[in-house]
Amino acid sequence: MKVIALFLGTFIVYLAYRGYRRNASKPLLYVALGFGLITAGTLLEGIMFVILGSDILEAIATGTVLTAAGFVAIIYSVYAVK
């Protein structure tokens, strides 16, 4: 399931960044950043646990921090950027 989330997240980042480039829309840049962080959190969590052999709690905590930062960037794009 992580692979599906990785591909979908990457596709959303691509679409949002392409929209930013086409329209020079600053909010879309933050949407791309937010989904990029969420996707990176998913990827890093899997890498830490499966490949690096980190403790499951450390891997989950790291993924959660990146996911939360991604949500903050998305919220910022909606409320703060004009």
Protein backbone atom coordinates (compact mmCIF):
# COMPACT_ATOMS: atom_id res chain seq x y z
CA MET A 1 0.00 0.00 0.00
CA LYS A 2 2.90 2.38 0.63
CA VAL A 3 3.91 2.07 -3.02
CA ILE A 4 0.46 3.21 -4.13
CA ALA A 5 0.62 6.17 -1.74
CA LEU A 6 4.08 7.04 -3.05
CA PHE A 7 2.96 7.06 -6.68
CA LEU A 8 -0.24 8.99 -5.99
CA GLY A 9 1.59 11.52 -3.84
CA THR A 10 4.25 12.03 -6.47
CA PHE A 11 1.58 12.53 -9.13
CA ILE A 12 -0.24 15.11 -7.00
CA VAL A 13 3.04 16.96 -6.38
CA TYR A 14 3.71 16.97 -10.12
CA LEU A 15 0.24 18.33 -10.94
CA ALA A 16 0.38 21.03 -8.26
CA TYR A 17 3.87 22.13 -9.29
CA ARG A 18 2.86 22.19 -12.94
CA GLY A 19 -0.14 24.35 -12.00
CA TYR A 20 2.16 26.66 -10.07
CA ARG A 21 4.49 27.04 -13.05
CA ARG A 22 1.65 27.60 -15.51
CA ASN A 23 -0.29 30.15 -13.43
CA ALA A 24 2.45 31.55 -11.16
CA SER A 25 0.09 30.69 -8.28
CA LYS A 26 1.96 30.83 -4.99
CA PRO A 27 -0.69 28.74 -3.16
CA LEU A 28 -0.15 25.85 -5.59
CA LEU A 29 3.55 25.93 -4.75
CA TYR A 30 2.70 25.39 -1.08
CA VAL A 31 0.22 22.65 -2.00
CA ALA A 32 3.02 20.91 -3.93
CA LEU A 33 5.37 21.36 -0.97
CA GLY A 34 2.76 20.00 1.44
CA PHE A 35 2.02 16.89 -0.58
CA GLY A 36 5.75 16.45 -1.18
CA LEU A 37 6.36 16.40 2.57
CA ILE A 38 3.48 13.98 3.14
CA THR A 39 4.83 11.70 0.42
CA ALA A 40 8.37 11.98 1.78
CA GLY A 41 7.08 11.05 5.24
CA THR A 42 5.49 7.91 3.87
CA LEU A 43 8.65 6.96 1.99
CA LEU A 44 11.04 7.76 4.83
CA GLU A 45 8.95 5.81 7.33
CA GLY A 46 9.20 2.68 5.18
CA ILE A 47 12.90 3.13 4.49
CA MET A 48 13.71 3.64 8.16
CA PHE A 49 11.83 0.55 9.29
CA VAL A 50 12.43 -1.91 6.48
CA ILE A 51 15.87 -0.99 5.14
CA LEU A 52 17.63 0.76 8.01
CA GLY A 53 16.10 -1.44 10.69
CA SER A 54 15.01 1.44 12.91
CA ASP A 55 12.57 0.90 15.72
CA ILE A 56 8.96 1.03 14.51
CA LEU A 57 8.13 3.91 16.87
CA GLU A 58 11.03 6.00 15.54
CA ALA A 59 9.96 5.36 11.97
CA ILE A 60 6.35 6.23 12.69
CA ALA A 61 7.33 9.37 14.61
CA THR A 62 9.53 10.58 11.75
CA GLY A 63 6.80 9.93 9.19
CA THR A 64 4.25 11.68 11.38
CA VAL A 65 6.42 14.79 11.77
CA LEU A 66 6.84 15.09 8.00
CA THR A 67 3.14 14.44 7.42
CA ALA A 68 2.20 17.12 9.95
CA ALA A 69 4.59 19.58 8.29
CA GLY A 70 2.95 18.79 4.96
CA PHE A 71 -0.49 19.51 6.36
CA VAL A 72 0.77 22.81 7.78
CA ALA A 73 2.05 23.78 4.32
CA ILE A 74 -1.32 22.91 2.75
CA ILE A 75 -3.23 24.88 5.39
CA TYR A 76 -0.83 27.79 4.84
CA SER A 77 -1.59 27.69 1.12
CA VAL A 78 -5.30 28.02 1.83
CA TYR A 79 -5.30 30.70 4.51
CA ALA A 80 -2.09 32.73 4.38
CA VAL A 81 -0.90 33.01 0.81
CA LYS A 82 -2.66 35.53 -1.41
